[in-house]
Amino acid sequence: MAVILNCLIEILKKPAIGEIFSELAIFFAPLWIALAVGLFVGWAWRPSWAVEKLGFQNSDSSANEEKNRVGSSVNLPSRGSTMEGKEVIVSRPMTPKKELAVSESDLDHLCRLVEERDGGPTWHKMMEKSLPTWSYQAWRRDPEAGPTQYRSSTVFEDATPELVRDFFWDDEFRTKNGWDDMLLHHESLDECAATGTMVVKWVRKFPFFCSDREYVIGRRIWNIGRTYYCITKGVPNDVPRHNKPRRVDLYYSSWCIRPVESKRDGQMTACEVLLFHHEEMGIPREIAKLGVRQGMWGCVKRIEPGLRAYQLVRSSPDAGPVSHYVEMARISTKFNAEEVALREEERSEDSSDLECDGEAKKPQHWIGNVPKVLAIGGAVALACTIDHGLVTKAVIFGVARQFARIGKRL
């Protein structure tokens, strides 16, 4: 640097202004030329590591990835064996062309709720009823944000999980029998025949002082053996909104249906339904809690007679074909506990990696080395102009010393 400064001082000591400008032009011209050449060559070259750093994508590689994705969606395993007549168990569901309304993350969440390890507040018992053919218990809890959550356990004697699954999925029987007298209208909007996933629209009747409520619900069933995880939840949609009925966006109502021992003889002839439910009805929380507490038993006690009526219809030799809703309910996706545990581990590892990345110091971007690259390019350009006199030679030797120091630090 001292040599360069001495050279600049010598130039400024020239008696004529013209000589000063000419010497300065000779002094800086190689650096500007090196800068321009370096930028042009660097942009034209664009090595693969630079492309990755800058986030550019190669159109050919993107096309190949798209071809591979499409190819993988075509070469698919076939469906598994059947259960209970027309029932279809999908061991590995076909990859859909569009994202499903209900995914594996929803299954994992329901599994955590069933096992009481979702990390939420403590459940507080609200009600307990017991009758000869069934029993009922209910709990609730109030999270810091969102509506009150409800959990219930209903045990039906002499009922199979498959029958109970179809009973809760059969919207046609709900309205025909009237056991769910709040359901005014049901409509299927979309479905996936490979996984049994459906998107349905409901209109439910509310008390006279409230307008009716409209729901757009995604639902799907998984099974492990004869235990069924039935998920229904509100999903994003393009259905037009109206003032009446009022749309409910936040809605979650899911069941775990499984065989349990009968209280009569200890045989596995009873069926338990674990229900988890919450929704944002647009009513203040305390008023909604009061309404649920007062009307819960009136709604719940209608379920058991409805199930027994459904049982009679299904066992009748004159029973016609099942509804389309039941056909979709019988397309369930088989899974095992190891898959859920593996996904839980992957999520925990990903979250820990994100925390570590947030705490770690960000790596220096390669663009931070641009001044060094330009300096090297300038030295090369200056070496090509070594015959321009003493000033140029002095600049080259001074820059060379700086390169030697930079090389020791790299």
Protein backbone atom coordinates (compact mmCIF):
# COMPACT_ATOMS: atom_id res chain seq x y z
CA MET A 1 0.00 0.00 0.00
CA ALA A 2 2.90 2.36 0.73
CA VAL A 3 4.24 1.87 -2.80
CA ILE A 4 0.85 2.67 -4.31
CA LEU A 5 0.51 5.81 -2.20
CA ASN A 6 4.01 6.94 -3.21
CA CYS A 7 3.07 6.42 -6.84
CA LEU A 8 -0.06 8.51 -6.45
CA ILE A 9 1.94 11.28 -4.78
CA GLU A 10 4.45 11.25 -7.62
CA ILE A 11 1.63 11.57 -10.14
CA LEU A 12 0.08 14.50 -8.29
CA LYS A 13 3.45 16.30 -8.28
CA LYS A 14 3.41 16.57 -12.08
CA PRO A 15 3.54 20.23 -13.13
CA ALA A 16 0.85 19.97 -15.81
CA ILE A 17 -2.78 19.03 -15.27
CA GLY A 18 -2.81 17.06 -18.51
CA GLU A 19 0.07 14.89 -17.38
CA ILE A 20 -1.70 14.19 -14.04
CA PHE A 21 -4.90 13.04 -15.76
CA SER A 22 -3.04 10.94 -18.28
CA GLU A 23 -1.03 9.17 -15.58
CA LEU A 24 -4.17 8.58 -13.47
CA ALA A 25 -5.98 7.16 -16.49
CA ILE A 26 -3.09 4.77 -17.08
CA PHE A 27 -3.10 3.95 -13.36
CA PHE A 28 -6.83 3.07 -13.06
CA ALA A 29 -7.68 1.83 -16.56
CA PRO A 30 -6.41 -1.76 -16.03
CA LEU A 31 -8.48 -2.09 -12.85
CA TRP A 32 -11.68 -1.05 -14.61
CA ILE A 33 -10.93 -3.37 -17.52
CA ALA A 34 -10.27 -6.24 -15.10
CA LEU A 35 -13.55 -5.53 -13.33
CA ALA A 36 -15.55 -5.58 -16.56
CA VAL A 37 -13.83 -8.71 -17.86
CA GLY A 38 -14.27 -10.46 -14.50
CA LEU A 39 -18.01 -9.75 -14.38
CA PHE A 40 -18.53 -10.84 -17.99
CA VAL A 41 -16.54 -14.06 -17.64
CA GLY A 42 -18.13 -14.84 -14.29
CA TRP A 43 -21.67 -14.46 -15.61
CA ALA A 44 -20.95 -16.47 -18.77
CA TRP A 45 -19.25 -19.27 -16.82
CA ARG A 46 -21.70 -19.67 -13.90
CA PRO A 47 -20.33 -22.88 -12.35
CA SER A 48 -22.75 -25.33 -10.74
CA TRP A 49 -21.75 -24.33 -7.22
CA ALA A 50 -22.54 -20.70 -7.98
CA VAL A 51 -25.91 -21.65 -9.44
CA GLU A 52 -26.80 -23.54 -6.27
CA LYS A 53 -25.66 -20.68 -4.07
CA LEU A 54 -27.68 -18.11 -5.97
CA GLY A 55 -30.77 -20.36 -6.09
CA PHE A 56 -31.04 -20.65 -9.88
CA GLN A 57 -32.66 -23.77 -11.27
CA ASN A 58 -31.74 -25.58 -14.41
CA SER A 59 -34.73 -26.03 -16.66
CA ASP A 60 -33.56 -29.45 -17.80
CA SER A 61 -33.15 -30.74 -14.25
CA SER A 62 -36.57 -29.36 -13.33
CA ALA A 63 -38.08 -31.14 -16.31
CA ASN A 64 -36.36 -34.38 -15.34
CA GLU A 65 -37.62 -34.06 -11.78
CA GLU A 66 -41.16 -33.52 -13.10
CA LYS A 67 -40.85 -36.59 -15.31
CA ASN A 68 -39.62 -38.65 -12.37
CA ARG A 69 -42.48 -37.41 -10.21
CA VAL A 70 -45.05 -38.27 -12.83
CA GLY A 71 -43.42 -41.63 -13.44
CA SER A 72 -43.46 -42.49 -9.75
CA SER A 73 -47.16 -41.66 -9.57
CA VAL A 74 -47.89 -44.12 -12.36
CA ASN A 75 -45.95 -47.13 -11.12
CA LEU A 76 -48.00 -47.77 -8.00
CA PRO A 77 -48.75 -50.77 -5.82
CA SER A 78 -52.17 -52.29 -6.13
CA ARG A 79 -54.80 -52.24 -3.41
CA GLY A 80 -54.74 -54.78 -0.66
CA SER A 81 -57.18 -57.45 0.34
CA THR A 82 -60.86 -56.84 1.05
CA MET A 83 -62.72 -56.97 4.35
CA GLU A 84 -66.42 -57.18 5.07
CA GLY A 85 -67.72 -57.65 1.54
CA LYS A 86 -66.80 -54.67 -0.58
CA GLU A 87 -64.47 -53.11 1.94
CA VAL A 88 -61.12 -52.04 0.49
CA ILE A 89 -57.98 -51.63 2.55
CA VAL A 90 -55.30 -49.49 0.91
CA SER A 91 -51.89 -50.48 2.22
CA ARG A 92 -50.19 -47.65 0.30
CA PRO A 93 -52.54 -45.06 -1.18
CA MET A 94 -51.97 -43.92 -4.73
CA THR A 95 -50.23 -40.60 -5.06
CA PRO A 96 -52.99 -38.14 -5.92
CA LYS A 97 -52.62 -35.44 -8.55
CA LYS A 98 -53.65 -32.85 -5.97
CA GLU A 99 -53.11 -32.58 -2.25
CA LEU A 100 -55.59 -34.53 -0.16
CA ALA A 101 -57.88 -32.67 2.21
CA VAL A 102 -56.82 -34.95 5.10
CA SER A 103 -53.19 -36.06 5.38
CA GLU A 104 -50.95 -38.24 7.52
CA SER A 105 -50.20 -35.31 9.82
CA ASP A 106 -53.90 -35.35 10.80
CA LEU A 107 -53.63 -39.06 11.59
CA ASP A 108 -50.56 -38.40 13.77
CA HIS A 109 -52.43 -35.67 15.65
CA LEU A 110 -55.39 -37.95 16.33
CA CYS A 111 -53.05 -40.70 17.56
CA ARG A 112 -51.51 -38.24 20.02
CA LEU A 113 -54.97 -37.25 21.24
CA VAL A 114 -55.98 -40.88 21.74
CA GLU A 115 -52.79 -41.61 23.67
CA GLU A 116 -53.14 -38.34 25.67
CA ARG A 117 -49.72 -37.06 24.71
CA ASP A 118 -50.64 -34.07 22.56
CA GLY A 119 -49.27 -31.63 25.15
CA GLY A 120 -52.61 -29.88 25.74
CA PRO A 121 -54.24 -28.90 29.05
CA THR A 122 -55.67 -31.43 31.48
CA TRP A 123 -59.09 -32.90 30.71
CA HIS A 124 -61.85 -32.31 33.29
CA LYS A 125 -64.79 -34.70 33.53
CA MET A 126 -68.20 -33.25 32.68
CA MET A 127 -70.59 -36.19 32.61
CA GLU A 128 -70.88 -39.93 33.16
CA LYS A 129 -73.92 -42.03 32.25
CA SER A 130 -74.36 -45.80 32.19
CA LEU A 131 -77.22 -47.85 30.74
CA PRO A 132 -77.55 -51.62 30.17
CA THR A 133 -76.60 -51.47 26.48
CA TRP A 134 -74.13 -48.61 26.49
CA SER A 135 -72.16 -46.18 28.66
CA TYR A 136 -70.96 -42.61 28.15
CA GLN A 137 -68.30 -40.33 29.67
CA ALA A 138 -67.36 -36.77 28.64
CA TRP A 139 -64.50 -34.38 29.41
CA ARG A 140 -63.58 -30.88 28.36
CA ARG A 141 -60.62 -28.53 28.50
CA ASP A 142 -59.98 -24.86 27.67
CA PRO A 143 -56.78 -24.16 25.70
CA GLU A 144 -55.19 -20.71 25.89
CA ALA A 145 -56.34 -19.95 22.34
CA GLY A 146 -59.29 -21.31 20.43
CA PRO A 147 -62.63 -22.82 21.43
CA THR A 148 -63.31 -25.29 24.24
CA GLN A 149 -62.30 -28.85 23.35
CA TYR A 150 -64.42 -31.91 24.19
CA ARG A 151 -63.53 -35.56 24.56
CA SER A 152 -65.95 -38.43 25.07
CA SER A 153 -65.88 -42.22 25.39
CA THR A 154 -68.94 -44.20 24.36
CA VAL A 155 -69.08 -48.00 24.69
CA PHE A 156 -71.77 -49.85 22.77
CA GLU A 157 -72.53 -53.46 23.70
CA ASP A 158 -72.99 -56.01 20.90
CA ALA A 159 -71.66 -53.77 18.14
CA THR A 160 -68.74 -54.22 15.74
CA PRO A 161 -66.27 -51.43 14.90
CA GLU A 162 -67.16 -51.79 11.21
CA LEU A 163 -70.86 -51.21 11.87
CA VAL A 164 -70.19 -48.19 14.09
CA ARG A 165 -67.78 -46.74 11.52
CA ASP A 166 -70.39 -46.99 8.75
CA PHE A 167 -73.08 -45.61 11.06
CA PHE A 168 -71.21 -42.38 11.78
CA TRP A 169 -70.14 -41.95 8.13
CA ASP A 170 -73.61 -42.53 6.63
CA ASP A 171 -75.04 -39.02 6.14
CA GLU A 172 -78.06 -40.39 4.30
CA PHE A 173 -79.12 -42.44 7.30
CA ARG A 174 -78.46 -39.47 9.62
CA THR A 175 -81.13 -37.42 7.90
CA LYS A 176 -83.47 -40.32 7.08
CA ASN A 177 -83.57 -41.74 10.59
CA GLY A 178 -83.30 -38.36 12.31
CA TRP A 179 -81.00 -39.46 15.13
CA ASP A 180 -78.89 -36.40 14.30
CA ASP A 181 -81.72 -33.90 14.10
CA MET A 182 -79.32 -30.96 13.66
CA LEU A 183 -78.21 -32.07 10.17
CA LEU A 184 -80.41 -30.29 7.63
CA HIS A 185 -78.42 -30.78 4.42
CA HIS A 186 -75.46 -32.86 3.22
CA GLU A 187 -73.68 -32.81 -0.12
CA SER A 188 -70.54 -34.50 -1.47
CA LEU A 189 -68.24 -31.95 -3.15
CA ASP A 190 -65.10 -33.97 -3.92
CA GLU A 191 -63.61 -37.39 -3.28
CA CYS A 192 -60.57 -39.59 -3.89
CA ALA A 193 -61.52 -43.14 -4.81
CA ALA A 194 -58.01 -44.40 -4.00
CA THR A 195 -57.94 -43.29 -0.35
CA GLY A 196 -61.61 -42.77 0.51
CA THR A 197 -61.00 -39.10 1.24
CA MET A 198 -64.12 -36.95 0.85
CA VAL A 199 -64.99 -33.27 0.99
CA VAL A 200 -68.63 -32.74 2.02
CA LYS A 201 -70.81 -29.76 2.81
CA TRP A 202 -73.13 -29.77 5.81
CA VAL A 203 -75.79 -27.34 6.94
CA ARG A 204 -76.67 -27.78 10.61
CA LYS A 205 -79.62 -26.35 12.54
CA PHE A 206 -78.82 -24.12 15.52
CA PRO A 207 -81.17 -22.76 18.21
CA PHE A 208 -83.72 -20.13 17.21
CA PHE A 209 -81.57 -17.25 18.47
CA CYS A 210 -78.69 -18.25 16.12
CA SER A 211 -78.55 -18.63 12.37
CA ASP A 212 -77.86 -22.06 10.90
CA ARG A 213 -74.24 -23.04 10.32
CA GLU A 214 -72.55 -24.28 7.15
CA TYR A 215 -69.50 -26.58 7.17
CA VAL A 216 -67.12 -27.70 4.42
CA ILE A 217 -65.53 -30.83 5.85
CA GLY A 218 -62.70 -33.07 4.71
CA ARG A 219 -62.79 -36.64 6.05
CA ARG A 220 -60.79 -39.82 5.75
CA ILE A 221 -60.32 -43.15 7.58
CA TRP A 222 -57.18 -45.06 8.52
CA ASN A 223 -57.13 -48.47 10.21
CA ILE A 224 -54.76 -50.68 12.14
CA GLY A 225 -56.39 -54.08 12.40
CA ARG A 226 -59.99 -53.47 13.50
CA THR A 227 -59.22 -50.09 15.04
CA TYR A 228 -60.37 -47.20 12.85
CA TYR A 229 -59.15 -43.61 13.00
CA CYS A 230 -61.89 -41.47 11.43
CA ILE A 231 -60.94 -37.84 10.85
CA THR A 232 -63.30 -35.01 9.92
CA LYS A 233 -62.21 -31.39 9.92
CA GLY A 234 -62.93 -28.07 8.24
CA VAL A 235 -60.84 -27.56 5.11
CA PRO A 236 -60.02 -24.56 2.86
CA ASN A 237 -62.39 -24.39 -0.09
CA ASP A 238 -63.80 -22.28 -2.90
CA VAL A 239 -67.45 -22.68 -1.90
CA PRO A 240 -69.16 -19.25 -2.02
CA ARG A 241 -70.06 -17.77 1.35
CA HIS A 242 -73.44 -16.43 2.35
CA ASN A 243 -74.76 -14.45 5.29
CA LYS A 244 -77.11 -17.32 6.08
CA PRO A 245 -76.20 -20.01 6.84
CA ARG A 246 -73.03 -18.78 8.48
CA ARG A 247 -69.81 -20.58 7.54
CA VAL A 248 -67.81 -22.34 10.29
CA ASP A 249 -64.15 -22.58 9.28
CA LEU A 250 -62.57 -23.97 12.45
CA TYR A 251 -64.08 -27.42 12.91
CA TYR A 252 -62.54 -30.66 14.19
CA SER A 253 -64.44 -33.84 15.02
CA SER A 254 -62.59 -37.17 14.89
CA TRP A 255 -63.10 -40.65 16.30
CA CYS A 256 -61.08 -43.66 17.26
CA ILE A 257 -63.37 -46.69 16.94
CA ARG A 258 -62.04 -49.94 18.44
CA PRO A 259 -63.24 -53.25 19.90
CA VAL A 260 -63.24 -53.56 23.69
CA GLU A 261 -64.29 -56.12 26.28
CA SER A 262 -67.95 -56.40 27.11
CA LYS A 263 -68.92 -55.65 30.69
CA ARG A 264 -71.30 -58.61 30.54
CA ASP A 265 -68.99 -61.52 29.75
CA GLY A 266 -65.52 -60.08 29.14
CA GLN A 267 -65.58 -60.98 25.44
CA MET A 268 -64.50 -58.54 22.71
CA THR A 269 -68.08 -57.96 21.62
CA ALA A 270 -68.35 -54.28 22.61
CA CYS A 271 -67.13 -51.23 20.69
CA GLU A 272 -65.67 -48.01 22.09
CA VAL A 273 -65.85 -44.67 20.31
CA LEU A 274 -63.36 -42.03 21.47
CA LEU A 275 -64.52 -38.67 20.11
CA PHE A 276 -62.51 -35.42 20.04
CA HIS A 277 -64.44 -32.34 19.03
CA HIS A 278 -64.11 -28.56 18.90
CA GLU A 279 -65.41 -25.83 16.62
CA GLU A 280 -65.54 -22.05 16.45
CA MET A 281 -69.29 -21.45 16.21
CA GLY A 282 -69.11 -17.66 16.45
CA ILE A 283 -70.61 -17.69 19.94
CA PRO A 284 -68.83 -16.38 23.07
CA ARG A 285 -66.98 -19.21 24.79
CA GLU A 286 -68.88 -19.15 28.10
CA ILE A 287 -72.26 -19.09 26.36
CA ALA A 288 -71.18 -21.97 24.10
CA LYS A 289 -70.00 -23.97 27.12
CA LEU A 290 -73.33 -23.40 28.87
CA GLY A 291 -75.26 -24.51 25.79
CA VAL A 292 -73.18 -27.67 25.39
CA ARG A 293 -73.53 -28.53 29.07
CA GLN A 294 -77.32 -28.14 28.96
CA GLY A 295 -77.91 -29.87 25.64
CA MET A 296 -75.24 -32.58 25.60
CA TRP A 297 -77.24 -35.41 27.12
CA GLY A 298 -80.27 -34.65 24.95
CA CYS A 299 -78.11 -35.12 21.81
CA VAL A 300 -76.06 -38.05 23.07
CA LYS A 301 -78.99 -40.21 24.16
CA ARG A 302 -80.33 -40.19 20.59
CA ILE A 303 -77.20 -41.92 19.25
CA GLU A 304 -77.80 -45.38 20.75
CA PRO A 305 -81.36 -45.80 19.39
CA GLY A 306 -80.10 -44.62 16.01
CA LEU A 307 -77.30 -47.19 16.06
CA ARG A 308 -79.70 -50.03 16.95
CA ALA A 309 -82.02 -48.98 14.11
CA TYR A 310 -79.06 -48.97 11.74
CA GLN A 311 -78.09 -52.41 13.03
CA LEU A 312 -81.55 -53.75 12.20
CA VAL A 313 -81.55 -52.24 8.72
CA ARG A 314 -78.15 -53.69 7.91
CA SER A 315 -79.01 -57.15 9.21
CA SER A 316 -82.31 -57.32 7.35
CA PRO A 317 -82.35 -59.66 4.33
CA ASP A 318 -84.35 -57.04 2.45
CA ALA A 319 -81.73 -54.35 3.01
CA GLY A 320 -80.81 -52.61 -0.21
CA PRO A 321 -77.34 -51.48 -1.27
CA VAL A 322 -75.40 -49.29 1.13
CA SER A 323 -75.10 -45.56 0.49
CA HIS A 324 -72.18 -44.03 -1.35
CA TYR A 325 -70.93 -42.58 1.94
CA VAL A 326 -70.59 -46.10 3.36
CA GLU A 327 -68.81 -47.27 0.21
CA MET A 328 -66.25 -44.51 0.75
CA ALA A 329 -65.98 -45.36 4.46
CA ARG A 330 -64.92 -48.88 3.52
CA ILE A 331 -61.92 -47.54 1.60
CA SER A 332 -59.54 -47.08 4.51
CA THR A 333 -55.77 -46.75 4.54
CA LYS A 334 -53.88 -49.36 6.53
CA PHE A 335 -50.98 -48.21 8.72
CA ASN A 336 -48.92 -49.46 11.65
CA ALA A 337 -47.67 -47.87 14.83
CA GLU A 338 -44.05 -47.93 13.62
CA GLU A 339 -44.90 -45.55 10.75
CA VAL A 340 -46.41 -43.01 13.13
CA ALA A 341 -43.47 -43.31 15.54
CA LEU A 342 -41.00 -42.82 12.67
CA ARG A 343 -42.74 -39.66 11.52
CA GLU A 344 -42.73 -38.36 15.09
CA GLU A 345 -38.95 -38.94 15.28
CA GLU A 346 -38.42 -37.18 11.96
CA ARG A 347 -40.43 -34.18 13.11
CA SER A 348 -38.51 -33.96 16.38
CA GLU A 349 -35.20 -34.21 14.50
CA ASP A 350 -36.26 -31.51 12.05
CA SER A 351 -37.30 -29.19 14.87
CA SER A 352 -34.01 -29.75 16.70
CA ASP A 353 -32.06 -29.12 13.48
CA LEU A 354 -33.94 -25.85 12.96
CA GLU A 355 -33.12 -24.77 16.50
CA CYS A 356 -29.45 -25.62 15.99
CA ASP A 357 -29.37 -23.75 12.68
CA GLY A 358 -30.93 -20.73 14.30
CA GLU A 359 -28.32 -20.68 17.05
CA ALA A 360 -25.37 -21.39 14.76
CA LYS A 361 -23.57 -18.56 13.02
CA LYS A 362 -24.65 -18.05 9.45
CA PRO A 363 -21.96 -19.13 6.95
CA GLN A 364 -20.38 -16.36 4.94
CA HIS A 365 -21.77 -16.10 1.43
CA TRP A 366 -19.34 -16.59 -1.44
CA ILE A 367 -20.28 -13.15 -2.78
CA GLY A 368 -18.39 -11.71 0.17
CA ASN A 369 -15.18 -12.77 -1.62
CA VAL A 370 -15.94 -10.69 -4.73
CA PRO A 371 -13.44 -7.93 -3.78
CA LYS A 372 -10.66 -10.52 -3.60
CA VAL A 373 -11.67 -11.96 -6.96
CA LEU A 374 -11.70 -8.53 -8.53
CA ALA A 375 -8.32 -7.74 -7.01
CA ILE A 376 -6.85 -10.88 -8.52
CA GLY A 377 -8.37 -10.01 -11.89
CA GLY A 378 -6.91 -6.54 -11.63
CA ALA A 379 -3.46 -7.95 -10.98
CA VAL A 380 -3.70 -10.13 -14.08
CA ALA A 381 -4.77 -7.18 -16.18
CA LEU A 382 -1.94 -5.06 -14.79
CA ALA A 383 0.58 -7.75 -15.56
CA CYS A 384 -0.41 -7.44 -19.21
CA THR A 385 0.46 -3.70 -19.15
CA ILE A 386 3.91 -4.03 -17.60
CA ASP A 387 5.50 -1.95 -20.34
CA HIS A 388 3.69 1.24 -19.37
CA GLY A 389 6.48 2.61 -17.22
CA LEU A 390 7.68 2.85 -13.66
CA VAL A 391 4.30 3.73 -12.14
CA THR A 392 2.62 0.62 -13.53
CA LYS A 393 5.44 -1.64 -12.36
CA ALA A 394 5.24 -0.18 -8.87
CA VAL A 395 1.50 -0.80 -8.72
CA ILE A 396 1.94 -4.43 -9.80
CA PHE A 397 4.57 -5.13 -7.17
CA GLY A 398 2.45 -3.48 -4.46
CA VAL A 399 -0.63 -5.49 -5.39
CA ALA A 400 1.45 -8.66 -5.47
CA ARG A 401 2.46 -8.10 -1.86
CA GLN A 402 -1.22 -7.75 -0.92
CA PHE A 403 -2.01 -11.05 -2.72
CA ALA A 404 0.68 -12.79 -0.73
CA ARG A 405 -0.93 -11.61 2.52
CA ILE A 406 -4.42 -12.60 1.30
CA GLY A 407 -3.14 -16.06 0.32
CA LYS A 408 -1.82 -16.63 3.82
CA ARG A 409 -5.23 -15.80 5.31
CA LEU A 410 -7.26 -18.01 2.89
